[in-house]
Amino acid sequence: MDLKDASRMVLLEAAPHADLQKVAQAVHEDYTAGREVPCVALTGMLAEASRKGVLLRLKQRHGDDAVKDMIFVLAREADRQRTVSGQRAAR
């Protein structure tokens, strides 16, 4: 799974949540256009998706493995950016 596919998964389930939909749309559009997305946007999108129950709906629709892959791809990119910029990962 690539970053564009991972962000699209969140986007497709985000419709009932305007704030999450807006962020997910921007993230997906940036990846589709080949632009890098800031780690703050990625971690914020994942956190909001978790709070809104979107990750649970994704698990029900696509299964645990697909959702784990999606989270891994997005989190790995956020961690990569933190490493490049010298930021420490939150623990």
C-alpha atoms as a PDB file:
ATOM      1  CA  MET A   1       0.000   0.000   0.000  1.00  0.00           C
ATOM      2  CA  ASP A   2       1.299   3.453  -0.836  1.00  0.00           C
ATOM      3  CA  LEU A   3       0.616   6.808   0.816  1.00  0.00           C
ATOM      4  CA  LYS A   4      -2.022   7.778  -1.741  1.00  0.00           C
ATOM      5  CA  ASP A   5      -3.989   4.556  -1.155  1.00  0.00           C
ATOM      6  CA  ALA A   6      -3.665   4.839   2.617  1.00  0.00           C
ATOM      7  CA  SER A   7      -4.966   8.401   2.670  1.00  0.00           C
ATOM      8  CA  ARG A   8      -7.778   7.446   0.276  1.00  0.00           C
ATOM      9  CA  MET A   9      -8.992   4.794   2.717  1.00  0.00           C
ATOM     10  CA  VAL A  10      -9.428   7.427   5.419  1.00  0.00           C
ATOM     11  CA  LEU A  11     -10.987   9.883   2.986  1.00  0.00           C
ATOM     12  CA  LEU A  12     -13.654   7.431   1.841  1.00  0.00           C
ATOM     13  CA  GLU A  13     -14.876   6.872   5.410  1.00  0.00           C
ATOM     14  CA  ALA A  14     -14.497  10.477   6.603  1.00  0.00           C
ATOM     15  CA  ALA A  15     -17.623  11.939   4.964  1.00  0.00           C
ATOM     16  CA  PRO A  16     -19.742  12.115   8.156  1.00  0.00           C
ATOM     17  CA  HIS A  17     -17.027  14.175   9.881  1.00  0.00           C
ATOM     18  CA  ALA A  18     -16.463  17.512   8.137  1.00  0.00           C
ATOM     19  CA  ASP A  19     -13.209  18.337   9.953  1.00  0.00           C
ATOM     20  CA  LEU A  20     -11.674  14.939   9.233  1.00  0.00           C
ATOM     21  CA  GLN A  21     -12.965  14.993   5.651  1.00  0.00           C
ATOM     22  CA  LYS A  22     -11.264  18.329   5.021  1.00  0.00           C
ATOM     23  CA  VAL A  23      -7.883  17.111   6.306  1.00  0.00           C
ATOM     24  CA  ALA A  24      -8.133  13.728   4.586  1.00  0.00           C
ATOM     25  CA  GLN A  25      -9.084  15.403   1.298  1.00  0.00           C
ATOM     26  CA  ALA A  26      -6.095  17.742   1.466  1.00  0.00           C
ATOM     27  CA  VAL A  27      -3.715  14.904   2.350  1.00  0.00           C
ATOM     28  CA  HIS A  28      -5.013  12.710  -0.449  1.00  0.00           C
ATOM     29  CA  GLU A  29      -4.853  15.543  -3.003  1.00  0.00           C
ATOM     30  CA  ASP A  30      -1.270  16.331  -2.014  1.00  0.00           C
ATOM     31  CA  TYR A  31      -0.190  12.707  -2.403  1.00  0.00           C
ATOM     32  CA  THR A  32      -2.037  12.404  -5.706  1.00  0.00           C
ATOM     33  CA  ALA A  33      -0.156  15.477  -6.946  1.00  0.00           C
ATOM     34  CA  GLY A  34       3.157  14.049  -5.738  1.00  0.00           C
ATOM     35  CA  ARG A  35       3.624  16.532  -2.909  1.00  0.00           C
ATOM     36  CA  GLU A  36       4.926  15.656   0.550  1.00  0.00           C
ATOM     37  CA  VAL A  37       2.462  15.972   3.436  1.00  0.00           C
ATOM     38  CA  PRO A  38       3.711  17.327   6.785  1.00  0.00           C
ATOM     39  CA  CYS A  39       3.941  14.785   9.601  1.00  0.00           C
ATOM     40  CA  VAL A  40       1.601  16.954  11.686  1.00  0.00           C
ATOM     41  CA  ALA A  41      -1.158  16.475   9.093  1.00  0.00           C
ATOM     42  CA  LEU A  42      -0.571  12.707   8.962  1.00  0.00           C
ATOM     43  CA  THR A  43      -0.571  12.155  12.710  1.00  0.00           C
ATOM     44  CA  GLY A  44      -3.504  14.525  13.139  1.00  0.00           C
ATOM     45  CA  MET A  45      -5.506  12.686  10.492  1.00  0.00           C
ATOM     46  CA  LEU A  46      -4.820   9.315  12.128  1.00  0.00           C
ATOM     47  CA  ALA A  47      -5.654  10.610  15.606  1.00  0.00           C
ATOM     48  CA  GLU A  48      -8.901  12.198  14.431  1.00  0.00           C
ATOM     49  CA  ALA A  49      -9.852   9.052  12.494  1.00  0.00           C
ATOM     50  CA  SER A  50      -9.360   7.055  15.680  1.00  0.00           C
ATOM     51  CA  ARG A  51     -11.391   9.491  17.802  1.00  0.00           C
ATOM     52  CA  LYS A  52     -14.260   9.536  15.314  1.00  0.00           C
ATOM     53  CA  GLY A  53     -14.457   5.729  15.008  1.00  0.00           C
ATOM     54  CA  VAL A  54     -13.321   5.778  11.391  1.00  0.00           C
ATOM     55  CA  LEU A  55     -10.561   3.238  11.994  1.00  0.00           C
ATOM     56  CA  LEU A  56     -13.101   0.832  13.467  1.00  0.00           C
ATOM     57  CA  ARG A  57     -15.349   1.231  10.426  1.00  0.00           C
ATOM     58  CA  LEU A  58     -12.369   0.658   8.161  1.00  0.00           C
ATOM     59  CA  LYS A  59     -11.546  -2.551  10.053  1.00  0.00           C
ATOM     60  CA  GLN A  60     -15.110  -3.747   9.666  1.00  0.00           C
ATOM     61  CA  ARG A  61     -15.096  -2.994   5.950  1.00  0.00           C
ATOM     62  CA  HIS A  62     -11.552  -3.984   4.930  1.00  0.00           C
ATOM     63  CA  GLY A  63     -10.246  -6.200   7.742  1.00  0.00           C
ATOM     64  CA  ASP A  64      -7.524  -5.830  10.338  1.00  0.00           C
ATOM     65  CA  ASP A  65      -4.595  -6.434   8.000  1.00  0.00           C
ATOM     66  CA  ALA A  66      -5.588  -3.718   5.531  1.00  0.00           C
ATOM     67  CA  VAL A  67      -6.075  -1.167   8.319  1.00  0.00           C
ATOM     68  CA  LYS A  68      -2.793  -2.134   9.979  1.00  0.00           C
ATOM     69  CA  ASP A  69      -1.043  -1.664   6.621  1.00  0.00           C
ATOM     70  CA  MET A  70      -2.698   1.733   6.170  1.00  0.00           C
ATOM     71  CA  ILE A  71      -1.714   2.927   9.642  1.00  0.00           C
ATOM     72  CA  PHE A  72       1.815   1.578   9.219  1.00  0.00           C
ATOM     73  CA  VAL A  73       2.343   3.391   5.906  1.00  0.00           C
ATOM     74  CA  LEU A  74       1.096   6.735   7.244  1.00  0.00           C
ATOM     75  CA  ALA A  75       2.903   6.440  10.599  1.00  0.00           C
ATOM     76  CA  ARG A  76       6.160   5.359   8.933  1.00  0.00           C
ATOM     77  CA  GLU A  77       6.042   8.449   6.701  1.00  0.00           C
ATOM     78  CA  ALA A  78       5.382  10.707   9.693  1.00  0.00           C
ATOM     79  CA  ASP A  79       8.307   9.106  11.559  1.00  0.00           C
ATOM     80  CA  ARG A  80      10.554   9.475   8.517  1.00  0.00           C
ATOM     81  CA  GLN A  81       9.803  13.175   8.394  1.00  0.00           C
ATOM     82  CA  ARG A  82      10.446  13.584  12.108  1.00  0.00           C
ATOM     83  CA  THR A  83      13.811  11.874  11.698  1.00  0.00           C
ATOM     84  CA  VAL A  84      14.757  14.049   8.739  1.00  0.00           C
ATOM     85  CA  SER A  85      13.745  17.248  10.524  1.00  0.00           C
ATOM     86  CA  GLY A  86      15.413  16.228  13.780  1.00  0.00           C
ATOM     87  CA  GLN A  87      12.201  16.090  15.788  1.00  0.00           C
ATOM     88  CA  ARG A  88      11.881  13.389  18.426  1.00  0.00           C
ATOM     89  CA  ALA A  89       8.972  10.998  18.205  1.00  0.00           C
ATOM     90  CA  ALA A  90       6.360  11.502  20.936  1.00  0.00           C
ATOM     91  CA  ARG A  91       6.190   8.662  23.413  1.00  0.00           C
END
